[in-house]
């Protein structure tokens, strides 16, 4: 008899708690969501009242003349360098100004890796990385401009390099293999991406667990660096934007004369 009473009491308590829980769940929503005749408004109605999610991008009429007028997380996206900039990318003084050997050393390559050079241009870094990853590795040279890809093909043929693969990406997708990349390098590229959130989401999907993304960008923190402001990036801004896609900041290398080397990791 005592056990039966306990079971009846427990059942009653369960009913009370379930009823209270349901009412508490309703009380979390604004009164305007709930109709006076129904005690359980639909989730669809609640979503409609909440409204659409905030837009990722903002367009402003007043902006830097070297920018696009499109803003992401408070940062104006810069205009893209076209194929006419190949000569500038391959300028002889770039070696002294940007120290590409220091950048490649910071990547920590041991051989055999799959490295994506995203926004490869004419292959300035692509063909410096290729011997570091060796025959067992690959360099995926990603570009959206046909002229740049053609320049990479010509250079690969001239140098008889066989471990470089050209990939034509789009403004929203670099077309990298899912979970197939050990490292993504972006040199003076990220600040020009028209759709940074979409591209970096795809980059995240392409990374193997524990893989890195390395940004090389002119220091926005230093006004004396003679580069247009929209073509600079601060470390704090990079951290904010990478956090939005799930990448974790690992370290920042400040050994270059004008640029940061900012390294993030896929942590899952």
C-alpha atoms as a PDB file:
ATOM      1  CA  UNK A   1       0.000   0.000   0.000  1.00  0.00           C
ATOM      2  CA  UNK A   2       2.830   2.370   0.892  1.00  0.00           C
ATOM      3  CA  UNK A   3       4.597   1.667  -2.435  1.00  0.00           C
ATOM      4  CA  UNK A   4       1.384   2.320  -4.353  1.00  0.00           C
ATOM      5  CA  UNK A   5       0.945   5.678  -2.616  1.00  0.00           C
ATOM      6  CA  UNK A   6       4.528   6.598  -3.464  1.00  0.00           C
ATOM      7  CA  UNK A   7       3.992   5.702  -7.127  1.00  0.00           C
ATOM      8  CA  UNK A   8       0.782   7.763  -7.205  1.00  0.00           C
ATOM      9  CA  UNK A   9       2.557  10.715  -5.591  1.00  0.00           C
ATOM     10  CA  UNK A  10       5.461  10.479  -8.021  1.00  0.00           C
ATOM     11  CA  UNK A  11       3.088  10.377 -10.969  1.00  0.00           C
ATOM     12  CA  UNK A  12       1.244  13.424  -9.680  1.00  0.00           C
ATOM     13  CA  UNK A  13       4.502  15.294  -9.133  1.00  0.00           C
ATOM     14  CA  UNK A  14       5.599  14.452 -12.693  1.00  0.00           C
ATOM     15  CA  UNK A  15       2.366  15.888 -14.096  1.00  0.00           C
ATOM     16  CA  UNK A  16       2.766  19.071 -12.044  1.00  0.00           C
ATOM     17  CA  UNK A  17       6.388  19.558 -13.126  1.00  0.00           C
ATOM     18  CA  UNK A  18       5.565  18.942 -16.784  1.00  0.00           C
ATOM     19  CA  UNK A  19       2.705  21.441 -16.652  1.00  0.00           C
ATOM     20  CA  UNK A  20       4.859  24.028 -14.881  1.00  0.00           C
ATOM     21  CA  UNK A  21       7.697  23.462 -17.337  1.00  0.00           C
ATOM     22  CA  UNK A  22       5.387  23.984 -20.282  1.00  0.00           C
ATOM     23  CA  UNK A  23       4.041  27.208 -18.780  1.00  0.00           C
ATOM     24  CA  UNK A  24       7.596  28.394 -17.996  1.00  0.00           C
ATOM     25  CA  UNK A  25       8.621  27.755 -21.600  1.00  0.00           C
ATOM     26  CA  UNK A  26       5.688  29.883 -22.769  1.00  0.00           C
ATOM     27  CA  UNK A  27       6.614  32.658 -20.324  1.00  0.00           C
ATOM     28  CA  UNK A  28      10.024  33.051 -21.991  1.00  0.00           C
ATOM     29  CA  UNK A  29       8.415  34.548 -25.101  1.00  0.00           C
ATOM     30  CA  UNK A  30       6.874  38.031 -25.409  1.00  0.00           C
ATOM     31  CA  UNK A  31       3.166  38.287 -24.751  1.00  0.00           C
ATOM     32  CA  UNK A  32       2.557  39.345 -28.349  1.00  0.00           C
ATOM     33  CA  UNK A  33       3.675  35.920 -29.544  1.00  0.00           C
ATOM     34  CA  UNK A  34       0.982  34.023 -27.616  1.00  0.00           C
ATOM     35  CA  UNK A  35      -2.630  34.240 -28.693  1.00  0.00           C
ATOM     36  CA  UNK A  36      -5.270  34.769 -25.955  1.00  0.00           C
ATOM     37  CA  UNK A  37      -7.081  31.548 -26.895  1.00  0.00           C
ATOM     38  CA  UNK A  38      -4.099  29.249 -27.368  1.00  0.00           C
ATOM     39  CA  UNK A  39      -1.499  28.442 -24.728  1.00  0.00           C
ATOM     40  CA  UNK A  40       1.074  27.065 -27.213  1.00  0.00           C
ATOM     41  CA  UNK A  41       1.959  29.323 -30.139  1.00  0.00           C
ATOM     42  CA  UNK A  42       3.798  27.613 -32.933  1.00  0.00           C
ATOM     43  CA  UNK A  43       7.582  27.857 -33.326  1.00  0.00           C
ATOM     44  CA  UNK A  44       6.938  29.189 -36.829  1.00  0.00           C
ATOM     45  CA  UNK A  45       4.988  32.114 -35.411  1.00  0.00           C
ATOM     46  CA  UNK A  46       7.748  32.850 -32.894  1.00  0.00           C
ATOM     47  CA  UNK A  47      10.387  32.914 -35.633  1.00  0.00           C
ATOM     48  CA  UNK A  48       8.247  35.280 -37.688  1.00  0.00           C
ATOM     49  CA  UNK A  49       7.924  37.680 -34.774  1.00  0.00           C
ATOM     50  CA  UNK A  50      11.669  37.515 -34.102  1.00  0.00           C
ATOM     51  CA  UNK A  51      12.378  38.700 -37.660  1.00  0.00           C
ATOM     52  CA  UNK A  52      15.212  37.799 -40.058  1.00  0.00           C
ATOM     53  CA  UNK A  53      18.825  37.445 -38.864  1.00  0.00           C
ATOM     54  CA  UNK A  54      21.010  40.533 -39.228  1.00  0.00           C
ATOM     55  CA  UNK A  55      22.731  40.933 -42.594  1.00  0.00           C
ATOM     56  CA  UNK A  56      26.372  39.867 -42.806  1.00  0.00           C
ATOM     57  CA  UNK A  57      27.324  42.825 -44.971  1.00  0.00           C
ATOM     58  CA  UNK A  58      26.541  46.522 -45.016  1.00  0.00           C
ATOM     59  CA  UNK A  59      26.806  48.936 -47.935  1.00  0.00           C
ATOM     60  CA  UNK A  60      27.720  52.549 -47.218  1.00  0.00           C
ATOM     61  CA  UNK A  61      27.588  55.485 -49.603  1.00  0.00           C
ATOM     62  CA  UNK A  62      30.436  57.263 -47.827  1.00  0.00           C
ATOM     63  CA  UNK A  63      33.578  55.137 -47.908  1.00  0.00           C
ATOM     64  CA  UNK A  64      37.269  54.968 -48.782  1.00  0.00           C
ATOM     65  CA  UNK A  65      37.800  55.558 -52.541  1.00  0.00           C
ATOM     66  CA  UNK A  66      40.067  52.487 -52.601  1.00  0.00           C
ATOM     67  CA  UNK A  67      37.362  50.328 -51.043  1.00  0.00           C
ATOM     68  CA  UNK A  68      34.198  48.747 -52.384  1.00  0.00           C
ATOM     69  CA  UNK A  69      31.738  50.463 -50.038  1.00  0.00           C
ATOM     70  CA  UNK A  70      30.878  47.010 -48.671  1.00  0.00           C
ATOM     71  CA  UNK A  71      31.591  46.449 -44.977  1.00  0.00           C
ATOM     72  CA  UNK A  72      32.006  43.268 -42.931  1.00  0.00           C
ATOM     73  CA  UNK A  73      32.194  43.442 -39.131  1.00  0.00           C
ATOM     74  CA  UNK A  74      32.965  47.157 -39.385  1.00  0.00           C
ATOM     75  CA  UNK A  75      35.776  46.716 -41.942  1.00  0.00           C
ATOM     76  CA  UNK A  76      35.561  47.971 -45.493  1.00  0.00           C
ATOM     77  CA  UNK A  77      36.437  45.378 -48.129  1.00  0.00           C
ATOM     78  CA  UNK A  78      39.174  46.567 -50.489  1.00  0.00           C
ATOM     79  CA  UNK A  79      39.083  46.597 -54.268  1.00  0.00           C
ATOM     80  CA  UNK A  80      40.623  43.522 -55.919  1.00  0.00           C
ATOM     81  CA  UNK A  81      43.909  43.711 -57.779  1.00  0.00           C
ATOM     82  CA  UNK A  82      43.392  42.635 -61.383  1.00  0.00           C
ATOM     83  CA  UNK A  83      45.753  40.823 -63.762  1.00  0.00           C
ATOM     84  CA  UNK A  84      47.435  44.146 -64.492  1.00  0.00           C
ATOM     85  CA  UNK A  85      49.039  43.824 -61.073  1.00  0.00           C
ATOM     86  CA  UNK A  86      51.147  40.767 -61.983  1.00  0.00           C
ATOM     87  CA  UNK A  87      54.205  42.945 -62.553  1.00  0.00           C
ATOM     88  CA  UNK A  88      53.774  44.478 -59.091  1.00  0.00           C
ATOM     89  CA  UNK A  89      53.387  41.044 -57.493  1.00  0.00           C
ATOM     90  CA  UNK A  90      56.615  39.886 -59.121  1.00  0.00           C
ATOM     91  CA  UNK A  91      58.583  43.107 -58.538  1.00  0.00           C
ATOM     92  CA  UNK A  92      62.269  42.501 -57.683  1.00  0.00           C
ATOM     93  CA  UNK A  93      62.149  44.600 -54.508  1.00  0.00           C
ATOM     94  CA  UNK A  94      59.416  42.390 -53.045  1.00  0.00           C
ATOM     95  CA  UNK A  95      62.097  40.020 -51.739  1.00  0.00           C
ATOM     96  CA  UNK A  96      63.573  42.781 -49.603  1.00  0.00           C
ATOM     97  CA  UNK A  97      60.252  44.345 -48.600  1.00  0.00           C
ATOM     98  CA  UNK A  98      58.325  41.199 -47.680  1.00  0.00           C
ATOM     99  CA  UNK A  99      60.960  38.516 -46.925  1.00  0.00           C
ATOM    100  CA  UNK A 100      59.062  35.567 -48.463  1.00  0.00           C
ATOM    101  CA  UNK A 101      61.615  33.117 -47.059  1.00  0.00           C
ATOM    102  CA  UNK A 102      60.688  34.181 -43.517  1.00  0.00           C
ATOM    103  CA  UNK A 103      57.006  33.625 -44.321  1.00  0.00           C
ATOM    104  CA  UNK A 104      57.615  30.129 -45.638  1.00  0.00           C
ATOM    105  CA  UNK A 105      59.818  29.236 -42.662  1.00  0.00           C
ATOM    106  CA  UNK A 106      56.937  30.291 -40.371  1.00  0.00           C
ATOM    107  CA  UNK A 107      54.685  27.711 -42.030  1.00  0.00           C
ATOM    108  CA  UNK A 108      56.687  24.883 -40.437  1.00  0.00           C
ATOM    109  CA  UNK A 109      56.495  22.612 -43.471  1.00  0.00           C
ATOM    110  CA  UNK A 110      58.164  19.216 -43.162  1.00  0.00           C
ATOM    111  CA  UNK A 111      57.307  17.722 -46.545  1.00  0.00           C
ATOM    112  CA  UNK A 112      54.313  15.826 -47.856  1.00  0.00           C
ATOM    113  CA  UNK A 113      51.701  18.438 -46.926  1.00  0.00           C
ATOM    114  CA  UNK A 114      48.825  19.672 -49.050  1.00  0.00           C
ATOM    115  CA  UNK A 115      49.061  23.472 -48.971  1.00  0.00           C
ATOM    116  CA  UNK A 116      46.500  25.819 -50.504  1.00  0.00           C
ATOM    117  CA  UNK A 117      47.867  29.153 -51.713  1.00  0.00           C
ATOM    118  CA  UNK A 118      44.560  30.991 -51.735  1.00  0.00           C
ATOM    119  CA  UNK A 119      44.665  34.051 -53.947  1.00  0.00           C
ATOM    120  CA  UNK A 120      47.875  32.786 -55.482  1.00  0.00           C
ATOM    121  CA  UNK A 121      48.175  35.538 -58.071  1.00  0.00           C
ATOM    122  CA  UNK A 122      50.854  34.550 -60.573  1.00  0.00           C
ATOM    123  CA  UNK A 123      52.358  32.040 -58.130  1.00  0.00           C
ATOM    124  CA  UNK A 124      54.914  34.127 -56.239  1.00  0.00           C
ATOM    125  CA  UNK A 125      54.532  31.973 -53.102  1.00  0.00           C
ATOM    126  CA  UNK A 126      53.202  28.867 -54.860  1.00  0.00           C
ATOM    127  CA  UNK A 127      56.547  28.073 -56.470  1.00  0.00           C
ATOM    128  CA  UNK A 128      58.470  28.820 -53.299  1.00  0.00           C
ATOM    129  CA  UNK A 129      56.290  26.380 -51.337  1.00  0.00           C
ATOM    130  CA  UNK A 130      56.418  23.582 -53.946  1.00  0.00           C
ATOM    131  CA  UNK A 131      59.983  22.399 -53.145  1.00  0.00           C
ATOM    132  CA  UNK A 132      59.223  22.532 -49.398  1.00  0.00           C
ATOM    133  CA  UNK A 133      56.339  20.049 -49.625  1.00  0.00           C
ATOM    134  CA  UNK A 134      58.283  17.852 -52.071  1.00  0.00           C
ATOM    135  CA  UNK A 135      57.015  15.228 -54.465  1.00  0.00           C
ATOM    136  CA  UNK A 136      54.808  13.680 -51.800  1.00  0.00           C
ATOM    137  CA  UNK A 137      53.041  16.981 -51.244  1.00  0.00           C
ATOM    138  CA  UNK A 138      50.912  19.312 -53.360  1.00  0.00           C
ATOM    139  CA  UNK A 139      50.356  23.033 -53.674  1.00  0.00           C
ATOM    140  CA  UNK A 140      46.825  24.038 -54.635  1.00  0.00           C
ATOM    141  CA  UNK A 141      47.064  27.425 -56.331  1.00  0.00           C
ATOM    142  CA  UNK A 142      43.604  28.965 -55.999  1.00  0.00           C
ATOM    143  CA  UNK A 143      42.556  31.937 -58.115  1.00  0.00           C
ATOM    144  CA  UNK A 144      39.339  33.355 -59.541  1.00  0.00           C
ATOM    145  CA  UNK A 145      41.027  35.165 -62.438  1.00  0.00           C
ATOM    146  CA  UNK A 146      41.797  33.185 -65.583  1.00  0.00           C
ATOM    147  CA  UNK A 147      44.814  35.360 -66.411  1.00  0.00           C
ATOM    148  CA  UNK A 148      46.439  34.518 -63.082  1.00  0.00           C
ATOM    149  CA  UNK A 149      45.781  30.792 -63.524  1.00  0.00           C
ATOM    150  CA  UNK A 150      47.296  30.905 -67.008  1.00  0.00           C
ATOM    151  CA  UNK A 151      50.401  32.602 -65.604  1.00  0.00           C
ATOM    152  CA  UNK A 152      50.722  29.802 -63.036  1.00  0.00           C
ATOM    153  CA  UNK A 153      50.362  27.134 -65.725  1.00  0.00           C
ATOM    154  CA  UNK A 154      53.057  28.758 -67.862  1.00  0.00           C
ATOM    155  CA  UNK A 155      55.412  29.055 -64.906  1.00  0.00           C
ATOM    156  CA  UNK A 156      54.851  25.435 -63.837  1.00  0.00           C
ATOM    157  CA  UNK A 157      55.650  24.253 -67.362  1.00  0.00           C
ATOM    158  CA  UNK A 158      58.746  26.446 -67.618  1.00  0.00           C
ATOM    159  CA  UNK A 159      60.083  25.270 -64.252  1.00  0.00           C
ATOM    160  CA  UNK A 160      58.955  21.644 -64.819  1.00  0.00           C
ATOM    161  CA  UNK A 161      57.131  21.658 -61.488  1.00  0.00           C
ATOM    162  CA  UNK A 162      54.720  18.743 -61.164  1.00  0.00           C
ATOM    163  CA  UNK A 163      53.284  19.182 -57.666  1.00  0.00           C
ATOM    164  CA  UNK A 164      51.340  22.405 -58.329  1.00  0.00           C
ATOM    165  CA  UNK A 165      47.629  22.172 -59.150  1.00  0.00           C
ATOM    166  CA  UNK A 166      45.631  25.191 -60.321  1.00  0.00           C
ATOM    167  CA  UNK A 167      42.100  25.587 -58.951  1.00  0.00           C
ATOM    168  CA  UNK A 168      39.613  28.137 -60.199  1.00  0.00           C
ATOM    169  CA  UNK A 169      37.581  29.249 -57.231  1.00  0.00           C
ATOM    170  CA  UNK A 170      34.644  31.618 -57.034  1.00  0.00           C
ATOM    171  CA  UNK A 171      33.955  34.709 -54.951  1.00  0.00           C
ATOM    172  CA  UNK A 172      32.243  32.539 -52.329  1.00  0.00           C
ATOM    173  CA  UNK A 173      34.018  29.172 -52.620  1.00  0.00           C
ATOM    174  CA  UNK A 174      37.725  28.342 -53.122  1.00  0.00           C
ATOM    175  CA  UNK A 175      36.726  24.838 -54.285  1.00  0.00           C
ATOM    176  CA  UNK A 176      39.117  23.032 -51.965  1.00  0.00           C
ATOM    177  CA  UNK A 177      38.745  19.325 -51.106  1.00  0.00           C
ATOM    178  CA  UNK A 178      36.757  18.674 -47.931  1.00  0.00           C
ATOM    179  CA  UNK A 179      39.060  17.882 -44.989  1.00  0.00           C
ATOM    180  CA  UNK A 180      41.895  17.541 -47.477  1.00  0.00           C
ATOM    181  CA  UNK A 181      44.197  20.492 -46.720  1.00  0.00           C
ATOM    182  CA  UNK A 182      46.991  20.711 -44.141  1.00  0.00           C
ATOM    183  CA  UNK A 183      47.544  24.458 -44.414  1.00  0.00           C
ATOM    184  CA  UNK A 184      45.990  27.468 -46.154  1.00  0.00           C
ATOM    185  CA  UNK A 185      48.175  30.498 -46.891  1.00  0.00           C
ATOM    186  CA  UNK A 186      46.714  33.889 -47.787  1.00  0.00           C
ATOM    187  CA  UNK A 187      49.254  36.627 -48.531  1.00  0.00           C
ATOM    188  CA  UNK A 188      47.791  40.147 -48.849  1.00  0.00           C
ATOM    189  CA  UNK A 189      44.540  38.566 -50.035  1.00  0.00           C
ATOM    190  CA  UNK A 190      41.997  38.274 -47.251  1.00  0.00           C
ATOM    191  CA  UNK A 191      41.164  41.990 -47.062  1.00  0.00           C
ATOM    192  CA  UNK A 192      40.028  41.873 -50.717  1.00  0.00           C
ATOM    193  CA  UNK A 193      37.594  38.945 -50.424  1.00  0.00           C
ATOM    194  CA  UNK A 194      34.127  40.068 -51.522  1.00  0.00           C
ATOM    195  CA  UNK A 195      32.497  37.391 -49.323  1.00  0.00           C
ATOM    196  CA  UNK A 196      34.914  36.709 -46.449  1.00  0.00           C
ATOM    197  CA  UNK A 197      32.436  34.802 -44.265  1.00  0.00           C
ATOM    198  CA  UNK A 198      31.432  32.422 -47.041  1.00  0.00           C
ATOM    199  CA  UNK A 199      35.008  31.833 -48.221  1.00  0.00           C
ATOM    200  CA  UNK A 200      36.353  31.211 -44.726  1.00  0.00           C
ATOM    201  CA  UNK A 201      33.474  28.861 -43.933  1.00  0.00           C
ATOM    202  CA  UNK A 202      34.518  26.804 -46.968  1.00  0.00           C
ATOM    203  CA  UNK A 203      38.166  27.034 -45.907  1.00  0.00           C
ATOM    204  CA  UNK A 204      37.219  25.680 -42.476  1.00  0.00           C
ATOM    205  CA  UNK A 205      35.478  22.718 -44.121  1.00  0.00           C
ATOM    206  CA  UNK A 206      38.568  22.045 -46.252  1.00  0.00           C
ATOM    207  CA  UNK A 207      40.988  21.927 -43.320  1.00  0.00           C
ATOM    208  CA  UNK A 208      42.039  18.684 -41.720  1.00  0.00           C
ATOM    209  CA  UNK A 209      41.621  18.615 -37.923  1.00  0.00           C
ATOM    210  CA  UNK A 210      44.394  20.689 -36.371  1.00  0.00           C
ATOM    211  CA  UNK A 211      45.311  22.312 -39.700  1.00  0.00           C
ATOM    212  CA  UNK A 212      46.360  25.967 -39.906  1.00  0.00           C
ATOM    213  CA  UNK A 213      45.339  29.077 -41.784  1.00  0.00           C
ATOM    214  CA  UNK A 214      48.120  31.643 -42.150  1.00  0.00           C
ATOM    215  CA  UNK A 215      47.437  35.271 -43.033  1.00  0.00           C
ATOM    216  CA  UNK A 216      50.120  37.709 -44.118  1.00  0.00           C
ATOM    217  CA  UNK A 217      48.721  41.247 -44.011  1.00  0.00           C
ATOM    218  CA  UNK A 218      50.123  44.767 -43.790  1.00  0.00           C
ATOM    219  CA  UNK A 219      49.878  46.125 -40.238  1.00  0.00           C
ATOM    220  CA  UNK A 220      46.892  48.412 -39.841  1.00  0.00           C
ATOM    221  CA  UNK A 221      48.152  49.291 -36.369  1.00  0.00           C
ATOM    222  CA  UNK A 222      51.064  51.231 -37.904  1.00  0.00           C
ATOM    223  CA  UNK A 223      49.988  54.406 -39.765  1.00  0.00           C
ATOM    224  CA  UNK A 224      53.527  54.889 -41.073  1.00  0.00           C
ATOM    225  CA  UNK A 225      53.360  51.826 -43.335  1.00  0.00           C
ATOM    226  CA  UNK A 226      52.948  53.273 -46.855  1.00  0.00           C
ATOM    227  CA  UNK A 227      50.002  51.089 -47.931  1.00  0.00           C
ATOM    228  CA  UNK A 228      46.421  52.253 -48.520  1.00  0.00           C
ATOM    229  CA  UNK A 229      44.365  51.819 -45.351  1.00  0.00           C
ATOM    230  CA  UNK A 230      41.803  49.398 -46.814  1.00  0.00           C
ATOM    231  CA  UNK A 231      44.682  47.124 -47.828  1.00  0.00           C
ATOM    232  CA  UNK A 232      45.808  46.706 -44.209  1.00  0.00           C
ATOM    233  CA  UNK A 233      44.462  44.389 -41.497  1.00  0.00           C
ATOM    234  CA  UNK A 234      44.822  44.573 -37.727  1.00  0.00           C
ATOM    235  CA  UNK A 235      45.379  41.451 -35.648  1.00  0.00           C
ATOM    236  CA  UNK A 236      42.301  42.222 -33.541  1.00  0.00           C
ATOM    237  CA  UNK A 237      40.114  42.463 -36.637  1.00  0.00           C
ATOM    238  CA  UNK A 238      41.434  39.152 -37.941  1.00  0.00           C
ATOM    239  CA  UNK A 239      40.748  37.508 -34.588  1.00  0.00           C
ATOM    240  CA  UNK A 240      37.176  38.799 -34.601  1.00  0.00           C
ATOM    241  CA  UNK A 241      36.475  37.636 -38.126  1.00  0.00           C
ATOM    242  CA  UNK A 242      38.072  34.213 -37.701  1.00  0.00           C
ATOM    243  CA  UNK A 243      36.203  33.581 -34.461  1.00  0.00           C
ATOM    244  CA  UNK A 244      32.991  33.934 -36.476  1.00  0.00           C
ATOM    245  CA  UNK A 245      33.916  30.856 -38.545  1.00  0.00           C
ATOM    246  CA  UNK A 246      35.360  28.774 -35.699  1.00  0.00           C
ATOM    247  CA  UNK A 247      39.100  29.309 -36.161  1.00  0.00           C
ATOM    248  CA  UNK A 248      41.270  29.769 -33.066  1.00  0.00           C
ATOM    249  CA  UNK A 249      44.192  32.199 -32.936  1.00  0.00           C
ATOM    250  CA  UNK A 250      47.473  30.379 -32.304  1.00  0.00           C
ATOM    251  CA  UNK A 251      50.160  33.036 -32.587  1.00  0.00           C
ATOM    252  CA  UNK A 252      51.267  36.185 -34.378  1.00  0.00           C
ATOM    253  CA  UNK A 253      54.759  36.493 -35.843  1.00  0.00           C
ATOM    254  CA  UNK A 254      56.057  40.066 -36.086  1.00  0.00           C
ATOM    255  CA  UNK A 255      59.442  39.513 -37.743  1.00  0.00           C
ATOM    256  CA  UNK A 256      58.570  41.022 -41.145  1.00  0.00           C
ATOM    257  CA  UNK A 257      59.339  44.689 -41.856  1.00  0.00           C
ATOM    258  CA  UNK A 258      55.769  45.710 -42.776  1.00  0.00           C
ATOM    259  CA  UNK A 259      53.412  42.767 -42.269  1.00  0.00           C
ATOM    260  CA  UNK A 260      52.034  40.430 -39.622  1.00  0.00           C
ATOM    261  CA  UNK A 261      52.060  36.673 -39.979  1.00  0.00           C
ATOM    262  CA  UNK A 262      48.869  35.691 -38.131  1.00  0.00           C
ATOM    263  CA  UNK A 263      48.218  31.981 -37.605  1.00  0.00           C
ATOM    264  CA  UNK A 264      44.901  30.318 -36.778  1.00  0.00           C
ATOM    265  CA  UNK A 265      43.995  26.678 -36.208  1.00  0.00           C
ATOM    266  CA  UNK A 266      41.023  24.445 -36.829  1.00  0.00           C
ATOM    267  CA  UNK A 267      40.352  23.117 -33.365  1.00  0.00           C
ATOM    268  CA  UNK A 268      37.934  20.205 -33.371  1.00  0.00           C
END
